[in-house]
Amino acid sequence: MKYIVVLGDGMADEPIEGLGGKTPLEYADTPTMDMLSKKSEIGIVHTIPDGMKPGSDTANLSVMGYDPEKYYSGRSPLEALSIGVDMKDTDIALRCNIVTVSDDDLPYEKKTIIDHSSGEISTEDAEVLINTVKKELETEEYKFYVGTSYRHLTIWDKGEVVDLSQPHDILGKVIGEYLPKQRALKEMMKKSYDILNNHPINIERAKKGLNKANSIWFWGAGTRPTLDSFETKNNKKGAMISAVDLLKGIAVGAKMEVIIVEGADATLNTNYEGKAAAGVDAVLNKGFDFSYIHVESPDEMGHQGSVENKIKAIEYLDKRVVKVVYDKMKKSGVDFRLAILPDHPTPIACRTHTSTPVPYMIYDSTMELDKTWKYTEKEGRESGNYIAEGHKFIDKLFER
């Protein structure tokens, strides 16, 4: 038996009046998931432990079988593993986003945060900007590392785990009250605006009508993580397919194989087919028992507040990932179980993550069911199938 998870990050949502009271998942044209749902078990799973923040870090750890209350030490340390930073026990990792704040004459504290992703800036442009910041601000205490797109890393030597605001939680708000209380972090953020706002890359972006990538933003502080080996824990050899450093970092920590797909960039226009093909190839031809295909685009569109593009992201996931995986696995004749689910909701209404339980679907090629339900948030709730502890979802997938 082979096992594949297709994870549509942030895919779940709440009913939207403009969609006739439907969620984007209900409204989207998803013929493959509609077909599979009638042959599958559906239900809901609570991926975020009570009292923990609803992030892709805690949620994906849960889906992969790691109890966040035991294994979570912060988001940025997991990303450090992906980037290849060997953290000391005394290091603190910080996510260093390149964000868009309002380009006006107001003091930095009175500016408004417009975009947590700087218009999904390319890694090539972001690397130039982070290296410019690095040249001006890096010290022995604070080191900067290039990540992917708008997502980068700062290591704080002998630092502390301070409470920092997530930029995607405060979109459209004046930033003053959300800035770090720690003076050095706050000053670096303020200085970064002076360094970046009139950088040639940002002058060109403004001319093209794109959001400037004109400030860094620190968040997600944490300590060096320790994860048990996925293979030892589950007796399954696993592979990760994702464009996001967080997911690749979890995989590195869990001693899974990270498979890089050309053109996979965590945007709406990512290489969906390439990801699907890589996930199938891993289990059919490379000796893996399990592959985890992570698709970031529904989450990004939720953060942007774009109903149209979130629907499009879900439709792309259905037609360009789920269909490809299902067709290739069916054609192979190999027995397989395919799970489809989000890690958490990213509702259009609030443009950030929530802790609401998410719908799951598990298809088993050896025991196709005969059901009338459809894979949606509502029908998942009504199915009667509920997994209260998200880290036990993997046991359901592996039939333990």
Protein backbone atom coordinates (compact mmCIF):
# COMPACT_ATOMS: atom_id res chain seq x y z
CA MET A 1 0.00 0.00 0.00
CA LYS A 2 1.23 3.50 -0.90
CA TYR A 3 0.05 6.70 0.79
CA ILE A 4 -0.27 10.23 -0.58
CA VAL A 5 -1.48 13.40 1.13
CA VAL A 6 -2.54 16.40 -0.97
CA LEU A 7 -2.57 19.36 1.41
CA GLY A 8 -4.38 22.48 0.16
CA ASP A 9 -3.00 25.05 2.58
CA GLY A 10 -5.74 27.29 4.00
CA MET A 11 -8.33 25.80 1.61
CA ALA A 12 -11.17 25.72 4.16
CA ASP A 13 -13.29 28.84 4.65
CA GLU A 14 -16.62 30.19 5.89
CA PRO A 15 -19.83 30.78 3.86
CA ILE A 16 -19.60 33.92 1.72
CA GLU A 17 -22.70 35.94 0.87
CA GLY A 18 -21.39 36.79 -2.60
CA LEU A 19 -21.15 33.07 -3.35
CA GLY A 20 -24.76 32.44 -2.37
CA GLY A 21 -23.82 31.38 1.13
CA LYS A 22 -21.28 28.83 -0.10
CA THR A 23 -17.62 28.52 0.82
CA PRO A 24 -14.99 28.71 -1.94
CA LEU A 25 -14.58 24.93 -1.62
CA GLU A 26 -18.33 24.41 -2.11
CA TYR A 27 -18.51 26.91 -4.96
CA ALA A 28 -15.44 25.78 -6.91
CA ASP A 29 -15.74 23.41 -9.88
CA THR A 30 -13.96 20.32 -8.52
CA PRO A 31 -15.03 17.28 -10.55
CA THR A 32 -12.25 14.99 -9.36
CA MET A 33 -12.80 15.64 -5.66
CA ASP A 34 -16.57 15.36 -6.22
CA MET A 35 -16.06 11.96 -7.81
CA LEU A 36 -13.63 10.76 -5.15
CA SER A 37 -15.78 11.94 -2.24
CA LYS A 38 -18.50 9.47 -3.20
CA LYS A 39 -15.97 6.65 -2.90
CA SER A 40 -14.22 7.91 0.22
CA GLU A 41 -14.50 8.55 3.93
CA ILE A 42 -14.99 12.22 4.71
CA GLY A 43 -15.02 13.95 8.08
CA ILE A 44 -13.42 16.78 10.02
CA VAL A 45 -10.17 16.96 11.95
CA HIS A 46 -9.12 19.46 14.62
CA THR A 47 -5.54 20.24 13.60
CA ILE A 48 -4.86 23.09 16.07
CA PRO A 49 -4.59 22.10 19.76
CA ASP A 50 -6.66 24.27 22.07
CA GLY A 51 -4.72 27.32 23.20
CA MET A 52 -2.19 27.25 20.35
CA LYS A 53 -2.05 29.78 17.53
CA PRO A 54 -3.54 28.56 14.23
CA GLY A 55 -0.48 28.50 12.00
CA SER A 56 0.70 26.37 9.11
CA ASP A 57 3.48 25.25 11.43
CA THR A 58 1.32 23.73 14.16
CA ALA A 59 -1.30 22.52 11.67
CA ASN A 60 1.08 20.72 9.32
CA LEU A 61 2.94 19.16 12.23
CA SER A 62 -0.45 17.77 13.32
CA VAL A 63 -1.35 16.40 9.90
CA MET A 64 2.06 14.71 9.69
CA GLY A 65 1.54 13.02 13.04
CA TYR A 66 3.56 15.28 15.34
CA ASP A 67 1.67 16.59 18.37
CA PRO A 68 2.43 20.35 18.37
CA GLU A 69 2.15 20.46 22.15
CA LYS A 70 5.13 18.11 22.28
CA TYR A 71 7.18 19.02 19.21
CA TYR A 72 6.55 22.69 18.42
CA SER A 73 9.36 25.12 19.30
CA GLY A 74 8.47 27.95 16.92
CA ARG A 75 7.95 28.42 13.19
CA SER A 76 11.23 30.02 12.18
CA PRO A 77 13.46 27.24 13.56
CA LEU A 78 11.73 24.81 11.20
CA GLU A 79 12.45 27.17 8.30
CA ALA A 80 16.06 27.39 9.45
CA LEU A 81 16.36 23.63 8.92
CA SER A 82 15.18 24.05 5.32
CA ILE A 83 17.59 26.90 4.62
CA GLY A 84 20.43 24.86 6.10
CA VAL A 85 21.20 27.01 9.15
CA ASP A 86 22.72 24.95 11.95
CA MET A 87 21.25 26.64 15.02
CA LYS A 88 23.04 26.63 18.35
CA ASP A 89 21.03 25.83 21.47
CA THR A 90 21.30 29.51 22.44
CA ASP A 91 20.08 30.82 19.05
CA ILE A 92 16.63 32.23 18.43
CA ALA A 93 15.24 32.05 14.89
CA LEU A 94 12.96 34.80 13.60
CA ARG A 95 10.93 34.84 10.41
CA CYS A 96 11.94 37.93 8.46
CA ASN A 97 9.19 38.75 5.95
CA ILE A 98 9.63 41.42 3.31
CA VAL A 99 6.32 43.26 3.54
CA THR A 100 4.60 46.28 2.02
CA VAL A 101 3.87 49.20 4.31
CA SER A 102 2.29 52.44 3.15
CA ASP A 103 4.61 54.70 1.15
CA ASP A 104 3.77 58.05 2.73
CA ASP A 105 5.34 60.84 4.81
CA LEU A 106 4.03 59.49 8.12
CA PRO A 107 6.44 58.24 10.78
CA TYR A 108 7.12 54.51 10.53
CA GLU A 109 4.92 53.71 13.54
CA LYS A 110 1.94 55.36 11.83
CA LYS A 111 2.25 53.52 8.55
CA THR A 112 -0.24 50.84 7.51
CA ILE A 113 0.67 47.29 6.55
CA ILE A 114 -0.73 46.62 3.09
CA ASP A 115 0.66 43.26 1.98
CA HIS A 116 2.43 40.56 4.02
CA SER A 117 3.96 39.08 0.85
CA SER A 118 4.95 42.17 -1.17
CA GLY A 119 2.78 40.97 -4.04
CA GLU A 120 4.32 37.46 -3.88
CA ILE A 121 7.69 38.95 -4.79
CA SER A 122 10.06 36.66 -6.68
CA THR A 123 12.90 35.01 -4.79
CA GLU A 124 15.37 36.65 -7.20
CA ASP A 125 14.23 40.18 -6.36
CA ALA A 126 13.81 39.39 -2.67
CA GLU A 127 17.36 38.03 -2.46
CA VAL A 128 18.74 41.34 -3.70
CA LEU A 129 16.67 43.24 -1.14
CA ILE A 130 17.54 40.99 1.81
CA ASN A 131 21.21 41.16 0.93
CA THR A 132 20.93 44.96 0.87
CA VAL A 133 19.39 44.87 4.35
CA LYS A 134 22.05 42.38 5.44
CA LYS A 135 24.87 44.68 4.33
CA GLU A 136 23.45 47.57 6.37
CA LEU A 137 22.06 45.84 9.45
CA GLU A 138 23.83 42.53 10.06
CA THR A 139 25.93 42.24 13.21
CA GLU A 140 27.50 39.43 15.22
CA GLU A 141 24.25 39.29 17.17
CA TYR A 142 21.82 39.33 14.22
CA LYS A 143 22.45 37.30 11.04
CA PHE A 144 20.23 37.38 7.93
CA TYR A 145 19.57 34.44 5.58
CA VAL A 146 17.76 34.34 2.24
CA GLY A 147 14.71 32.08 1.98
CA THR A 148 11.96 31.89 -0.65
CA SER A 149 9.87 34.75 -2.07
CA TYR A 150 8.97 37.06 0.82
CA ARG A 151 9.91 34.52 3.53
CA HIS A 152 13.39 34.96 5.03
CA LEU A 153 15.23 34.26 8.26
CA THR A 154 17.12 36.10 10.99
CA ILE A 155 19.14 34.33 13.69
CA TRP A 156 19.46 36.19 16.98
CA ASP A 157 22.51 35.04 18.95
CA LYS A 158 21.73 34.48 22.65
CA GLY A 159 18.27 35.93 22.03
CA GLU A 160 14.92 35.34 23.67
CA VAL A 161 11.56 34.07 22.51
CA VAL A 162 9.64 37.34 22.36
CA ASP A 163 5.99 37.81 21.46
CA LEU A 164 5.76 39.14 17.88
CA SER A 165 2.76 39.92 15.67
CA GLN A 166 2.16 37.91 12.52
CA PRO A 167 1.97 40.34 9.58
CA HIS A 168 -0.88 38.46 7.88
CA ASP A 169 -2.96 38.96 11.04
CA ILE A 170 -2.84 42.77 10.88
CA LEU A 171 -3.33 43.60 7.21
CA GLY A 172 -4.82 47.05 6.75
CA LYS A 173 -3.90 48.16 10.26
CA VAL A 174 -1.59 50.90 11.53
CA ILE A 175 1.55 49.08 12.64
CA GLY A 176 2.60 51.06 15.73
CA GLU A 177 1.01 48.92 18.42
CA TYR A 178 2.13 45.71 16.69
CA LEU A 179 5.85 46.52 16.49
CA PRO A 180 8.26 44.52 18.68
CA LYS A 181 8.75 45.65 22.24
CA GLN A 182 12.39 44.61 21.90
CA ARG A 183 14.20 47.82 20.91
CA ALA A 184 16.82 46.36 18.55
CA LEU A 185 14.22 44.45 16.50
CA LYS A 186 12.00 47.51 16.23
CA GLU A 187 14.89 49.75 15.15
CA MET A 188 15.99 47.29 12.45
CA MET A 189 12.45 47.24 11.04
CA LYS A 190 12.34 51.05 10.98
CA LYS A 191 15.76 51.30 9.33
CA SER A 192 14.81 48.69 6.74
CA TYR A 193 12.12 51.02 5.39
CA ASP A 194 14.72 53.73 4.77
CA ILE A 195 16.97 51.16 3.10
CA LEU A 196 14.32 49.54 0.91
CA ASN A 197 11.61 52.03 0.01
CA ASN A 198 13.61 53.76 -2.73
CA HIS A 199 15.72 50.81 -3.76
CA PRO A 200 15.86 50.52 -7.59
CA ILE A 201 13.88 47.26 -7.46
CA ASN A 202 11.07 49.01 -5.59
CA ILE A 203 11.14 52.04 -7.89
CA GLU A 204 10.58 49.63 -10.79
CA ARG A 205 7.86 47.74 -8.93
CA ALA A 206 5.99 50.99 -8.28
CA LYS A 207 6.21 51.92 -11.97
CA LYS A 208 4.64 48.57 -12.85
CA GLY A 209 1.84 49.04 -10.31
CA LEU A 210 3.24 46.36 -8.00
CA ASN A 211 3.45 46.61 -4.22
CA LYS A 212 6.82 47.78 -2.97
CA ALA A 213 8.77 45.33 -0.82
CA ASN A 214 9.77 48.14 1.49
CA SER A 215 10.13 46.80 5.05
CA ILE A 216 11.24 43.72 6.91
CA TRP A 217 8.93 42.28 9.56
CA PHE A 218 10.06 39.96 12.35
CA TRP A 219 7.79 37.26 13.77
CA GLY A 220 7.62 33.56 14.66
CA ALA A 221 10.46 33.45 17.21
CA GLY A 222 11.57 30.02 18.37
CA THR A 223 14.31 27.71 19.54
CA ARG A 224 16.12 24.84 17.87
CA PRO A 225 13.57 22.08 17.06
CA THR A 226 13.82 18.35 17.69
CA LEU A 227 11.57 16.00 15.70
CA ASP A 228 11.52 12.22 15.75
CA SER A 229 12.32 10.51 12.47
CA PHE A 230 9.15 10.06 10.38
CA GLU A 231 10.33 6.65 9.19
CA THR A 232 11.14 5.39 12.68
CA LYS A 233 7.89 6.78 14.07
CA ASN A 234 5.61 5.39 11.34
CA ASN A 235 7.60 2.59 9.72
CA LYS A 236 7.07 4.47 6.44
CA LYS A 237 9.70 6.12 4.25
CA GLY A 238 8.40 9.61 3.42
CA ALA A 239 9.00 12.39 0.89
CA MET A 240 7.97 16.06 0.98
CA ILE A 241 7.01 18.11 -2.08
CA SER A 242 6.60 21.79 -1.21
CA ALA A 243 7.87 25.21 -2.27
CA VAL A 244 7.66 26.55 1.29
CA ASP A 245 10.67 26.54 3.63
CA LEU A 246 8.45 25.74 6.61
CA LEU A 247 7.29 22.43 5.12
CA LYS A 248 10.73 21.58 3.81
CA GLY A 249 12.10 22.33 7.28
CA ILE A 250 9.62 19.99 8.95
CA ALA A 251 10.70 17.32 6.48
CA VAL A 252 14.40 17.90 7.18
CA GLY A 253 13.74 17.70 10.91
CA ALA A 254 11.77 14.48 10.42
CA LYS A 255 14.54 13.05 8.20
CA MET A 256 12.22 12.82 5.20
CA GLU A 257 13.37 13.33 1.63
CA VAL A 258 12.74 16.83 0.25
CA ILE A 259 11.98 16.71 -3.48
CA ILE A 260 12.50 19.98 -5.33
CA VAL A 261 10.18 20.64 -8.28
CA GLU A 262 11.26 23.15 -10.90
CA GLY A 263 8.77 26.02 -11.17
CA ALA A 264 7.19 25.31 -7.77
CA ASP A 265 7.08 28.75 -6.15
CA ALA A 266 4.13 28.76 -3.70
CA THR A 267 2.15 31.21 -5.84
CA LEU A 268 -1.15 30.89 -7.69
CA ASN A 269 0.84 30.01 -10.80
CA THR A 270 3.01 27.32 -9.24
CA ASN A 271 3.91 24.12 -11.10
CA TYR A 272 0.91 22.06 -9.95
CA GLU A 273 1.40 19.22 -12.42
CA GLY A 274 5.09 18.96 -11.55
CA LYS A 275 4.29 18.63 -7.87
CA ALA A 276 1.68 15.95 -8.53
CA ALA A 277 4.02 13.99 -10.77
CA ALA A 278 6.82 14.20 -8.21
CA GLY A 279 4.54 12.89 -5.46
CA VAL A 280 3.52 9.91 -7.56
CA ASP A 281 7.05 9.22 -8.79
CA ALA A 282 8.27 9.15 -5.19
CA VAL A 283 6.00 6.26 -4.24
CA LEU A 284 6.02 4.36 -7.53
CA ASN A 285 9.65 4.64 -8.63
CA LYS A 286 11.84 5.98 -5.81
CA GLY A 287 11.08 3.55 -3.02
CA PHE A 288 9.01 5.82 -0.78
CA ASP A 289 5.89 4.64 1.02
CA PHE A 290 4.43 8.10 1.62
CA SER A 291 4.48 11.46 -0.14
CA TYR A 292 3.15 14.78 1.12
CA ILE A 293 2.21 17.21 -1.64
CA HIS A 294 1.81 20.67 -0.13
CA VAL A 295 0.09 23.40 -2.20
CA GLU A 296 0.34 26.91 -0.76
CA SER A 297 -1.81 28.91 -3.18
CA PRO A 298 -5.26 28.67 -1.48
CA ASP A 299 -3.72 30.11 1.70
CA GLU A 300 -2.02 32.96 -0.15
CA MET A 301 -5.25 33.88 -1.92
CA GLY A 302 -7.09 33.81 1.42
CA HIS A 303 -4.54 36.21 2.89
CA GLN A 304 -4.98 38.48 -0.11
CA GLY A 305 -8.74 38.45 0.40
CA SER A 306 -9.34 37.39 -3.21
CA VAL A 307 -12.44 35.19 -3.49
CA GLU A 308 -11.97 34.76 -7.23
CA ASN A 309 -8.37 33.62 -6.92
CA LYS A 310 -9.01 31.36 -3.94
CA ILE A 311 -11.66 29.56 -5.98
CA LYS A 312 -9.19 29.36 -8.87
CA ALA A 313 -6.51 27.92 -6.56
CA ILE A 314 -8.90 25.21 -5.35
CA GLU A 315 -9.90 24.39 -8.95
CA TYR A 316 -6.24 24.18 -9.94
CA LEU A 317 -5.58 21.84 -7.02
CA ASP A 318 -8.45 19.60 -8.14
CA LYS A 319 -7.64 19.48 -11.86
CA ARG A 320 -3.87 19.79 -11.82
CA VAL A 321 -2.89 17.92 -8.66
CA VAL A 322 -5.63 15.59 -7.39
CA LYS A 323 -6.64 14.40 -10.88
CA VAL A 324 -3.02 13.84 -11.92
CA VAL A 325 -2.27 11.88 -8.75
CA TYR A 326 -5.43 9.78 -8.97
CA ASP A 327 -5.07 9.00 -12.68
CA LYS A 328 -1.40 8.05 -12.42
CA MET A 329 -1.90 5.88 -9.34
CA LYS A 330 -4.95 4.14 -10.83
CA LYS A 331 -3.07 3.47 -14.05
CA SER A 332 -0.17 1.93 -12.10
CA GLY A 333 -2.35 -0.75 -10.52
CA VAL A 334 -0.63 -0.22 -7.17
CA ASP A 335 -2.88 -0.14 -4.09
CA PHE A 336 -2.96 3.33 -2.55
CA ARG A 337 -4.67 5.61 -0.07
CA LEU A 338 -5.09 9.27 -0.99
CA ALA A 339 -5.91 11.90 1.64
CA ILE A 340 -7.04 15.41 0.75
CA LEU A 341 -7.38 18.17 3.35
CA PRO A 342 -6.33 21.68 4.36
CA ASP A 343 -4.11 22.33 7.35
CA HIS A 344 -6.35 25.13 8.69
CA PRO A 345 -8.94 27.57 7.31
CA THR A 346 -7.85 30.93 5.92
CA PRO A 347 -11.23 32.67 5.60
CA ILE A 348 -11.60 35.47 3.07
CA ALA A 349 -13.54 37.50 5.65
CA CYS A 350 -10.60 37.81 8.07
CA ARG A 351 -7.65 37.12 5.73
CA THR A 352 -5.82 35.08 8.36
CA HIS A 353 -5.82 31.60 9.90
CA THR A 354 -8.47 30.24 12.24
CA SER A 355 -8.62 27.16 14.47
CA THR A 356 -11.87 25.75 13.09
CA PRO A 357 -11.65 21.98 12.36
CA VAL A 358 -11.08 21.24 8.67
CA PRO A 359 -12.68 18.71 6.29
CA TYR A 360 -10.71 15.65 5.27
CA MET A 361 -11.22 12.96 2.67
CA ILE A 362 -9.48 9.57 2.53
CA TYR A 363 -9.82 7.43 -0.60
CA ASP A 364 -8.74 3.78 -0.54
CA SER A 365 -8.29 2.12 -3.94
CA THR A 366 -8.90 -1.33 -2.41
CA MET A 367 -12.28 -0.55 -0.83
CA GLU A 368 -14.14 2.10 -2.81
CA LEU A 369 -17.21 3.19 -0.87
CA ASP A 370 -20.64 4.05 -2.26
CA LYS A 371 -21.71 7.37 -0.76
CA THR A 372 -23.76 10.41 -1.79
CA TRP A 373 -21.79 13.05 0.05
CA LYS A 374 -19.53 15.77 -1.34
CA TYR A 375 -16.21 16.98 0.05
CA THR A 376 -17.09 20.29 1.73
CA GLU A 377 -16.78 21.82 5.18
CA LYS A 378 -20.50 21.38 5.84
CA GLU A 379 -20.75 17.76 4.74
CA GLY A 380 -17.55 16.92 6.57
CA ARG A 381 -19.19 18.14 9.77
CA GLU A 382 -22.41 16.29 9.01
CA SER A 383 -20.65 12.99 8.26
CA GLY A 384 -20.26 12.22 11.95
CA ASN A 385 -16.56 11.43 11.50
CA TYR A 386 -14.47 13.61 13.80
CA ILE A 387 -10.80 13.40 14.76
CA ALA A 388 -10.39 15.53 17.87
CA GLU A 389 -6.59 15.34 17.98
CA GLY A 390 -5.05 16.30 14.66
CA HIS A 391 -1.82 14.38 15.16
CA LYS A 392 -3.87 11.16 15.14
CA PHE A 393 -5.04 11.79 11.57
CA ILE A 394 -1.96 9.97 10.31
CA ASP A 395 -3.07 6.87 12.23
CA LYS A 396 -6.38 6.94 10.37
CA LEU A 397 -4.51 7.26 7.05
CA PHE A 398 -2.18 4.39 7.90
CA GLU A 399 -5.09 2.31 9.37
CA ARG A 400 -3.47 1.88 12.76
